[in-house]
PDB file of all heavy atoms in Angstrom:
ATOM      1  N   LYS A   1     -10.345   3.479 -13.387  1.00  0.00           N
ATOM      2  CA  LYS A   1     -10.160   3.230 -14.829  1.00  0.00           C
ATOM      3  C   LYS A   1      -9.201   2.127 -15.113  1.00  0.00           C
ATOM      4  O   LYS A   1      -9.062   1.711 -16.251  1.00  0.00           O
ATOM      5  CB  LYS A   1      -9.743   4.450 -15.619  1.00  0.00           C
ATOM      6  CG  LYS A   1      -8.386   5.073 -15.239  1.00  0.00           C
ATOM      7  CD  LYS A   1      -8.208   6.361 -15.939  1.00  0.00           C
ATOM      8  CE  LYS A   1      -6.824   7.097 -15.569  1.00  0.00           C
ATOM      9  NZ  LYS A   1      -6.690   8.401 -16.279  1.00  0.00           N
ATOM     10  N   ASN A   2      -8.489   1.535 -14.066  1.00  0.00           N
ATOM     11  CA  ASN A   2      -7.615   0.519 -14.351  1.00  0.00           C
ATOM     12  C   ASN A   2      -7.652  -0.552 -13.185  1.00  0.00           C
ATOM     13  O   ASN A   2      -7.390  -0.224 -12.119  1.00  0.00           O
ATOM     14  CB  ASN A   2      -6.125   1.040 -14.452  1.00  0.00           C
ATOM     15  CG  ASN A   2      -5.186   0.020 -14.945  1.00  0.00           C
ATOM     16  OD1 ASN A   2      -5.156  -1.073 -14.520  1.00  0.00           O
ATOM     17  ND2 ASN A   2      -4.460   0.298 -15.981  1.00  0.00           N
ATOM     18  N   ASN A   3      -8.088  -1.759 -13.498  1.00  0.00           N
ATOM     19  CA  ASN A   3      -8.328  -2.719 -12.477  1.00  0.00           C
ATOM     20  C   ASN A   3      -7.016  -3.392 -11.925  1.00  0.00           C
ATOM     21  O   ASN A   3      -7.032  -4.230 -11.103  1.00  0.00           O
ATOM     22  CB  ASN A   3      -9.337  -3.772 -12.895  1.00  0.00           C
ATOM     23  CG  ASN A   3      -8.852  -4.551 -14.071  1.00  0.00           C
ATOM     24  OD1 ASN A   3      -7.685  -4.421 -14.536  1.00  0.00           O
ATOM     25  ND2 ASN A   3      -9.665  -5.343 -14.702  1.00  0.00           N
ATOM     26  N   HIS A   4      -5.824  -2.959 -12.505  1.00  0.00           N
ATOM     27  CA  HIS A   4      -4.564  -3.435 -11.911  1.00  0.00           C
ATOM     28  C   HIS A   4      -4.198  -2.658 -10.722  1.00  0.00           C
ATOM     29  O   HIS A   4      -3.238  -2.965  -9.955  1.00  0.00           O
ATOM     30  CB  HIS A   4      -3.527  -3.296 -12.970  1.00  0.00           C
ATOM     31  CG  HIS A   4      -3.551  -4.276 -14.085  1.00  0.00           C
ATOM     32  ND1 HIS A   4      -3.174  -5.585 -13.969  1.00  0.00           N
ATOM     33  CD2 HIS A   4      -4.019  -4.150 -15.382  1.00  0.00           C
ATOM     34  CE1 HIS A   4      -3.330  -6.208 -15.062  1.00  0.00           C
ATOM     35  NE2 HIS A   4      -3.839  -5.403 -15.981  1.00  0.00           N
ATOM     36  N   ILE A   5      -4.862  -1.515 -10.443  1.00  0.00           N
ATOM     37  CA  ILE A   5      -4.527  -0.549  -9.457  1.00  0.00           C
ATOM     38  C   ILE A   5      -5.331  -0.603  -8.241  1.00  0.00           C
ATOM     39  O   ILE A   5      -6.587  -0.696  -8.282  1.00  0.00           O
ATOM     40  CB  ILE A   5      -4.518   0.914  -9.997  1.00  0.00           C
ATOM     41  CG1 ILE A   5      -3.562   1.098 -11.193  1.00  0.00           C
ATOM     42  CG2 ILE A   5      -4.177   1.938  -8.929  1.00  0.00           C
ATOM     43  CD1 ILE A   5      -3.771   2.340 -11.962  1.00  0.00           C
ATOM     44  N   ARG A   6      -4.707  -0.695  -7.027  1.00  0.00           N
ATOM     45  CA  ARG A   6      -5.388  -0.801  -5.815  1.00  0.00           C
ATOM     46  C   ARG A   6      -4.902   0.363  -4.918  1.00  0.00           C
ATOM     47  O   ARG A   6      -3.711   0.634  -4.857  1.00  0.00           O
ATOM     48  CB  ARG A   6      -5.205  -2.120  -5.090  1.00  0.00           C
ATOM     49  CG  ARG A   6      -5.787  -2.296  -3.778  1.00  0.00           C
ATOM     50  CD  ARG A   6      -6.092  -3.715  -3.322  1.00  0.00           C
ATOM     51  NE  ARG A   6      -4.875  -4.546  -3.567  1.00  0.00           N
ATOM     52  CZ  ARG A   6      -4.215  -4.986  -2.483  1.00  0.00           C
ATOM     53  NH1 ARG A   6      -4.504  -4.619  -1.214  1.00  0.00           N
ATOM     54  NH2 ARG A   6      -3.101  -5.835  -2.657  1.00  0.00           N
ATOM     55  N   VAL A   7      -5.738   1.116  -4.255  1.00  0.00           N
ATOM     56  CA  VAL A   7      -5.350   2.283  -3.428  1.00  0.00           C
ATOM     57  C   VAL A   7      -5.664   1.934  -1.917  1.00  0.00           C
ATOM     58  O   VAL A   7      -6.823   1.531  -1.611  1.00  0.00           O
ATOM     59  CB  VAL A   7      -6.155   3.523  -3.877  1.00  0.00           C
ATOM     60  CG1 VAL A   7      -5.801   4.696  -2.948  1.00  0.00           C
ATOM     61  CG2 VAL A   7      -5.818   3.826  -5.349  1.00  0.00           C
ATOM     62  N   ILE A   8      -4.709   2.225  -1.091  1.00  0.00           N
ATOM     63  CA  ILE A   8      -4.887   2.276   0.339  1.00  0.00           C
ATOM     64  C   ILE A   8      -4.885   3.636   0.803  1.00  0.00           C
ATOM     65  O   ILE A   8      -3.932   4.410   0.354  1.00  0.00           O
ATOM     66  CB  ILE A   8      -3.744   1.432   1.063  1.00  0.00           C
ATOM     67  CG1 ILE A   8      -3.825  -0.098   0.576  1.00  0.00           C
ATOM     68  CG2 ILE A   8      -3.919   1.499   2.516  1.00  0.00           C
ATOM     69  CD1 ILE A   8      -2.595  -0.854   1.049  1.00  0.00           C
ATOM     70  N   ASN A   9      -5.759   4.063   1.625  1.00  0.00           N
ATOM     71  CA  ASN A   9      -5.914   5.483   1.977  1.00  0.00           C
ATOM     72  C   ASN A   9      -5.727   5.601   3.525  1.00  0.00           C
ATOM     73  O   ASN A   9      -6.452   5.002   4.329  1.00  0.00           O
ATOM     74  CB  ASN A   9      -7.288   6.010   1.605  1.00  0.00           C
ATOM     75  CG  ASN A   9      -7.291   7.554   1.853  1.00  0.00           C
ATOM     76  OD1 ASN A   9      -6.613   8.243   1.231  1.00  0.00           O
ATOM     77  ND2 ASN A   9      -8.332   7.979   2.539  1.00  0.00           N
ATOM     78  N   HIS A  10      -4.818   6.399   3.967  1.00  0.00           N
ATOM     79  CA  HIS A  10      -4.631   6.892   5.353  1.00  0.00           C
ATOM     80  C   HIS A  10      -5.245   8.193   5.556  1.00  0.00           C
ATOM     81  O   HIS A  10      -4.760   9.171   4.871  1.00  0.00           O
ATOM     82  CB  HIS A  10      -3.099   6.970   5.766  1.00  0.00           C
ATOM     83  CG  HIS A  10      -2.425   5.582   5.692  1.00  0.00           C
ATOM     84  ND1 HIS A  10      -1.023   5.505   5.758  1.00  0.00           N
ATOM     85  CD2 HIS A  10      -2.885   4.350   5.701  1.00  0.00           C
ATOM     86  CE1 HIS A  10      -0.697   4.206   5.785  1.00  0.00           C
ATOM     87  NE2 HIS A  10      -1.808   3.467   5.724  1.00  0.00           N
ATOM     88  N   GLU A  11      -6.258   8.392   6.353  1.00  0.00           N
ATOM     89  CA  GLU A  11      -6.843   9.661   6.563  1.00  0.00           C
ATOM     90  C   GLU A  11      -5.798  10.614   7.188  1.00  0.00           C
ATOM     91  O   GLU A  11      -5.833  11.778   6.917  1.00  0.00           O
ATOM     92  CB  GLU A  11      -8.038   9.471   7.382  1.00  0.00           C
ATOM     93  CG  GLU A  11      -9.209   8.793   6.790  1.00  0.00           C
ATOM     94  CD  GLU A  11      -9.840   9.587   5.636  1.00  0.00           C
ATOM     95  OE1 GLU A  11      -9.709  10.745   5.552  1.00  0.00           O
ATOM     96  OE2 GLU A  11     -10.425   8.872   4.675  1.00  0.00           O
ATOM     97  N   ILE A  12      -4.983  10.077   8.107  1.00  0.00           N
ATOM     98  CA  ILE A  12      -4.012  10.820   8.781  1.00  0.00           C
ATOM     99  C   ILE A  12      -2.592  10.312   8.429  1.00  0.00           C
ATOM    100  O   ILE A  12      -2.373   9.076   8.342  1.00  0.00           O
ATOM    101  CB  ILE A  12      -4.219  10.731  10.298  1.00  0.00           C
ATOM    102  CG1 ILE A  12      -5.553  11.314  10.720  1.00  0.00           C
ATOM    103  CG2 ILE A  12      -3.087  11.500  11.082  1.00  0.00           C
ATOM    104  CD1 ILE A  12      -5.933  11.142  12.160  1.00  0.00           C
ATOM    105  N   ASN A  13      -1.672  11.182   8.249  1.00  0.00           N
ATOM    106  CA  ASN A  13      -0.314  10.755   7.914  1.00  0.00           C
ATOM    107  C   ASN A  13       0.304   9.802   8.972  1.00  0.00           C
ATOM    108  O   ASN A  13       0.370  10.175  10.029  1.00  0.00           O
ATOM    109  CB  ASN A  13       0.579  12.044   7.704  1.00  0.00           C
ATOM    110  CG  ASN A  13       2.009  11.657   7.325  1.00  0.00           C
ATOM    111  OD1 ASN A  13       2.925  11.676   8.195  1.00  0.00           O
ATOM    112  ND2 ASN A  13       2.262  11.436   6.136  1.00  0.00           N
ATOM    113  N   GLN A  14       0.830   8.622   8.512  1.00  0.00           N
ATOM    114  CA  GLN A  14       1.386   7.668   9.395  1.00  0.00           C
ATOM    115  C   GLN A  14       2.922   7.653   9.283  1.00  0.00           C
ATOM    116  O   GLN A  14       3.503   6.956  10.110  1.00  0.00           O
ATOM    117  CB  GLN A  14       0.780   6.214   8.979  1.00  0.00           C
ATOM    118  CG  GLN A  14      -0.729   6.189   9.113  1.00  0.00           C
ATOM    119  CD  GLN A  14      -1.208   6.354  10.516  1.00  0.00           C
ATOM    120  OE1 GLN A  14      -0.676   5.704  11.421  1.00  0.00           O
ATOM    121  NE2 GLN A  14      -2.266   7.158  10.657  1.00  0.00           N
ATOM    122  N   GLY A  15       3.450   8.288   8.332  1.00  0.00           N
ATOM    123  CA  GLY A  15       4.857   8.266   8.108  1.00  0.00           C
ATOM    124  C   GLY A  15       5.311   7.143   7.213  1.00  0.00           C
ATOM    125  O   GLY A  15       4.625   6.114   6.957  1.00  0.00           O
ATOM    126  N   TYR A  16       6.588   7.307   6.691  1.00  0.00           N
ATOM    127  CA  TYR A  16       7.080   6.412   5.638  1.00  0.00           C
ATOM    128  C   TYR A  16       7.241   4.993   6.160  1.00  0.00           C
ATOM    129  O   TYR A  16       6.894   4.062   5.515  1.00  0.00           O
ATOM    130  CB  TYR A  16       8.459   6.872   5.127  1.00  0.00           C
ATOM    131  CG  TYR A  16       9.079   5.858   4.251  1.00  0.00           C
ATOM    132  CD1 TYR A  16       8.726   5.844   2.933  1.00  0.00           C
ATOM    133  CD2 TYR A  16      10.152   5.015   4.770  1.00  0.00           C
ATOM    134  CE1 TYR A  16       9.358   4.845   2.089  1.00  0.00           C
ATOM    135  CE2 TYR A  16      10.726   4.091   3.956  1.00  0.00           C
ATOM    136  CZ  TYR A  16      10.358   4.040   2.627  1.00  0.00           C
ATOM    137  OH  TYR A  16      10.898   3.096   1.782  1.00  0.00           O
ATOM    138  N   GLY A  17       7.834   4.773   7.395  1.00  0.00           N
ATOM    139  CA  GLY A  17       8.081   3.484   7.930  1.00  0.00           C
ATOM    140  C   GLY A  17       6.863   2.601   8.001  1.00  0.00           C
ATOM    141  O   GLY A  17       6.849   1.438   7.544  1.00  0.00           O
ATOM    142  N   LEU A  18       5.795   3.061   8.620  1.00  0.00           N
ATOM    143  CA  LEU A  18       4.602   2.240   8.739  1.00  0.00           C
ATOM    144  C   LEU A  18       3.931   2.085   7.378  1.00  0.00           C
ATOM    145  O   LEU A  18       3.482   0.958   7.005  1.00  0.00           O
ATOM    146  CB  LEU A  18       3.555   2.949   9.619  1.00  0.00           C
ATOM    147  CG  LEU A  18       2.315   2.204   9.948  1.00  0.00           C
ATOM    148  CD1 LEU A  18       1.875   2.551  11.324  1.00  0.00           C
ATOM    149  CD2 LEU A  18       1.145   2.503   8.922  1.00  0.00           C
ATOM    150  N   THR A  19       4.078   3.081   6.526  1.00  0.00           N
ATOM    151  CA  THR A  19       3.468   3.009   5.180  1.00  0.00           C
ATOM    152  C   THR A  19       4.129   1.914   4.295  1.00  0.00           C
ATOM    153  O   THR A  19       3.475   1.100   3.743  1.00  0.00           O
ATOM    154  CB  THR A  19       3.406   4.321   4.511  1.00  0.00           C
ATOM    155  OG1 THR A  19       2.644   5.231   5.267  1.00  0.00           O
ATOM    156  CG2 THR A  19       2.819   4.214   3.093  1.00  0.00           C
ATOM    157  N   ILE A  20       5.339   2.005   4.321  1.00  0.00           N
ATOM    158  CA  ILE A  20       6.099   1.013   3.395  1.00  0.00           C
ATOM    159  C   ILE A  20       6.019  -0.435   3.903  1.00  0.00           C
ATOM    160  O   ILE A  20       5.973  -1.352   3.116  1.00  0.00           O
ATOM    161  CB  ILE A  20       7.589   1.387   3.218  1.00  0.00           C
ATOM    162  CG1 ILE A  20       8.216   0.735   1.945  1.00  0.00           C
ATOM    163  CG2 ILE A  20       8.423   1.160   4.354  1.00  0.00           C
ATOM    164  CD1 ILE A  20       7.615   1.044   0.635  1.00  0.00           C
ATOM    165  N   LYS A  21       6.006  -0.548   5.216  1.00  0.00           N
ATOM    166  CA  LYS A  21       5.891  -1.860   5.780  1.00  0.00           C
ATOM    167  C   LYS A  21       4.499  -2.382   5.462  1.00  0.00           C
ATOM    168  O   LYS A  21       4.374  -3.610   5.061  1.00  0.00           O
ATOM    169  CB  LYS A  21       6.029  -1.833   7.384  1.00  0.00           C
ATOM    170  CG  LYS A  21       5.941  -3.089   8.022  1.00  0.00           C
ATOM    171  CD  LYS A  21       6.237  -2.933   9.598  1.00  0.00           C
ATOM    172  CE  LYS A  21       6.060  -4.274  10.285  1.00  0.00           C
ATOM    173  NZ  LYS A  21       6.335  -4.130  11.769  1.00  0.00           N
ATOM    174  N   GLU A  22       3.451  -1.635   5.507  1.00  0.00           N
ATOM    175  CA  GLU A  22       2.147  -2.056   5.200  1.00  0.00           C
ATOM    176  C   GLU A  22       2.070  -2.405   3.792  1.00  0.00           C
ATOM    177  O   GLU A  22       1.455  -3.468   3.366  1.00  0.00           O
ATOM    178  CB  GLU A  22       1.187  -0.893   5.501  1.00  0.00           C
ATOM    179  CG  GLU A  22      -0.282  -1.115   5.045  1.00  0.00           C
ATOM    180  CD  GLU A  22      -1.153   0.042   5.196  1.00  0.00           C
ATOM    181  OE1 GLU A  22      -0.820   1.113   4.763  1.00  0.00           O
ATOM    182  OE2 GLU A  22      -2.232  -0.095   5.854  1.00  0.00           O
ATOM    183  N   LEU A  23       2.768  -1.678   2.868  1.00  0.00           N
ATOM    184  CA  LEU A  23       2.772  -2.028   1.455  1.00  0.00           C
ATOM    185  C   LEU A  23       3.486  -3.368   1.184  1.00  0.00           C
ATOM    186  O   LEU A  23       3.152  -4.073   0.330  1.00  0.00           O
ATOM    187  CB  LEU A  23       3.391  -0.934   0.643  1.00  0.00           C
ATOM    188  CG  LEU A  23       2.506   0.314   0.393  1.00  0.00           C
ATOM    189  CD1 LEU A  23       3.279   1.527  -0.018  1.00  0.00           C
ATOM    190  CD2 LEU A  23       1.388  -0.006  -0.581  1.00  0.00           C
ATOM    191  N   TYR A  24       4.622  -3.530   1.938  1.00  0.00           N
ATOM    192  CA  TYR A  24       5.300  -4.827   1.693  1.00  0.00           C
ATOM    193  C   TYR A  24       4.388  -6.021   1.887  1.00  0.00           C
ATOM    194  O   TYR A  24       4.412  -7.003   1.023  1.00  0.00           O
ATOM    195  CB  TYR A  24       6.407  -4.986   2.754  1.00  0.00           C
ATOM    196  CG  TYR A  24       7.706  -4.098   2.504  1.00  0.00           C
ATOM    197  CD1 TYR A  24       8.493  -3.694   3.630  1.00  0.00           C
ATOM    198  CD2 TYR A  24       8.003  -3.618   1.232  1.00  0.00           C
ATOM    199  CE1 TYR A  24       9.610  -2.934   3.318  1.00  0.00           C
ATOM    200  CE2 TYR A  24       9.209  -2.856   0.983  1.00  0.00           C
ATOM    201  CZ  TYR A  24       9.929  -2.519   2.055  1.00  0.00           C
ATOM    202  OH  TYR A  24      11.060  -1.770   1.817  1.00  0.00           O
ATOM    203  N   PHE A  25       3.604  -6.017   2.902  1.00  0.00           N
ATOM    204  CA  PHE A  25       2.719  -7.094   3.205  1.00  0.00           C
ATOM    205  C   PHE A  25       1.407  -6.977   2.471  1.00  0.00           C
ATOM    206  O   PHE A  25       0.697  -8.143   2.321  1.00  0.00           O
ATOM    207  CB  PHE A  25       2.409  -7.185   4.759  1.00  0.00           C
ATOM    208  CG  PHE A  25       3.635  -7.615   5.536  1.00  0.00           C
ATOM    209  CD1 PHE A  25       4.490  -6.730   6.078  1.00  0.00           C
ATOM    210  CD2 PHE A  25       3.971  -8.947   5.636  1.00  0.00           C
ATOM    211  CE1 PHE A  25       5.620  -7.096   6.889  1.00  0.00           C
ATOM    212  CE2 PHE A  25       5.004  -9.386   6.414  1.00  0.00           C
ATOM    213  CZ  PHE A  25       5.866  -8.402   6.972  1.00  0.00           C
ATOM    214  N   ALA A  26       1.087  -5.933   1.858  1.00  0.00           N
ATOM    215  CA  ALA A  26      -0.157  -5.847   0.995  1.00  0.00           C
ATOM    216  C   ALA A  26       0.068  -6.486  -0.263  1.00  0.00           C
ATOM    217  O   ALA A  26      -0.829  -6.966  -0.979  1.00  0.00           O
ATOM    218  CB  ALA A  26      -0.526  -4.362   0.874  1.00  0.00           C
ATOM    219  N   ALA A  27       1.411  -6.512  -0.771  1.00  0.00           N
ATOM    220  CA  ALA A  27       1.666  -7.144  -2.119  1.00  0.00           C
ATOM    221  C   ALA A  27       1.326  -8.579  -2.098  1.00  0.00           C
ATOM    222  O   ALA A  27       1.613  -9.299  -1.181  1.00  0.00           O
ATOM    223  CB  ALA A  27       3.141  -6.873  -2.374  1.00  0.00           C
ATOM    224  N   GLN A  28       0.817  -9.045  -3.262  1.00  0.00           N
ATOM    225  CA  GLN A  28       0.313 -10.444  -3.330  1.00  0.00           C
ATOM    226  C   GLN A  28       1.009 -11.285  -4.404  1.00  0.00           C
ATOM    227  O   GLN A  28       0.799 -12.461  -4.497  1.00  0.00           O
ATOM    228  CB  GLN A  28      -1.198 -10.420  -3.624  1.00  0.00           C
ATOM    229  CG  GLN A  28      -2.063  -9.765  -2.511  1.00  0.00           C
ATOM    230  CD  GLN A  28      -3.459  -9.665  -2.896  1.00  0.00           C
ATOM    231  OE1 GLN A  28      -3.914  -9.980  -3.911  1.00  0.00           O
ATOM    232  NE2 GLN A  28      -4.296  -9.262  -1.851  1.00  0.00           N
ATOM    233  N   LYS A  29       1.832 -10.648  -5.250  1.00  0.00           N
ATOM    234  CA  LYS A  29       2.501 -11.356  -6.351  1.00  0.00           C
ATOM    235  C   LYS A  29       3.842 -11.939  -5.928  1.00  0.00           C
ATOM    236  O   LYS A  29       4.330 -11.607  -4.861  1.00  0.00           O
ATOM    237  CB  LYS A  29       2.619 -10.418  -7.537  1.00  0.00           C
ATOM    238  CG  LYS A  29       1.351  -9.771  -7.925  1.00  0.00           C
ATOM    239  CD  LYS A  29       0.230 -10.675  -8.319  1.00  0.00           C
ATOM    240  CE  LYS A  29      -1.069  -9.952  -8.729  1.00  0.00           C
ATOM    241  NZ  LYS A  29      -2.156 -10.883  -8.992  1.00  0.00           N
ATOM    242  N   THR A  30       4.457 -12.637  -6.846  1.00  0.00           N
ATOM    243  CA  THR A  30       5.707 -13.431  -6.538  1.00  0.00           C
ATOM    244  C   THR A  30       6.874 -12.514  -6.356  1.00  0.00           C
ATOM    245  O   THR A  30       7.684 -12.626  -5.397  1.00  0.00           O
ATOM    246  CB  THR A  30       6.020 -14.302  -7.710  1.00  0.00           C
ATOM    247  OG1 THR A  30       4.901 -15.240  -7.816  1.00  0.00           O
ATOM    248  CG2 THR A  30       7.285 -15.269  -7.346  1.00  0.00           C
ATOM    249  N   ILE A  31       6.995 -11.435  -7.108  1.00  0.00           N
ATOM    250  CA  ILE A  31       8.103 -10.423  -7.035  1.00  0.00           C
ATOM    251  C   ILE A  31       7.471  -9.092  -6.688  1.00  0.00           C
ATOM    252  O   ILE A  31       6.420  -8.631  -7.161  1.00  0.00           O
ATOM    253  CB  ILE A  31       8.870 -10.308  -8.353  1.00  0.00           C
ATOM    254  CG1 ILE A  31       9.376 -11.690  -8.806  1.00  0.00           C
ATOM    255  CG2 ILE A  31       9.939  -9.233  -8.217  1.00  0.00           C
ATOM    256  CD1 ILE A  31      10.476 -12.291  -7.775  1.00  0.00           C
TER     257      ILE A  31
END
């Protein structure tokens, strides 16, 4: 319902470290 939102799905829990690192590099904007 909102095209500003993108979801990444891990079928199996990967833990915070891998997840936040993945998110850091998934971000595409300036800030």
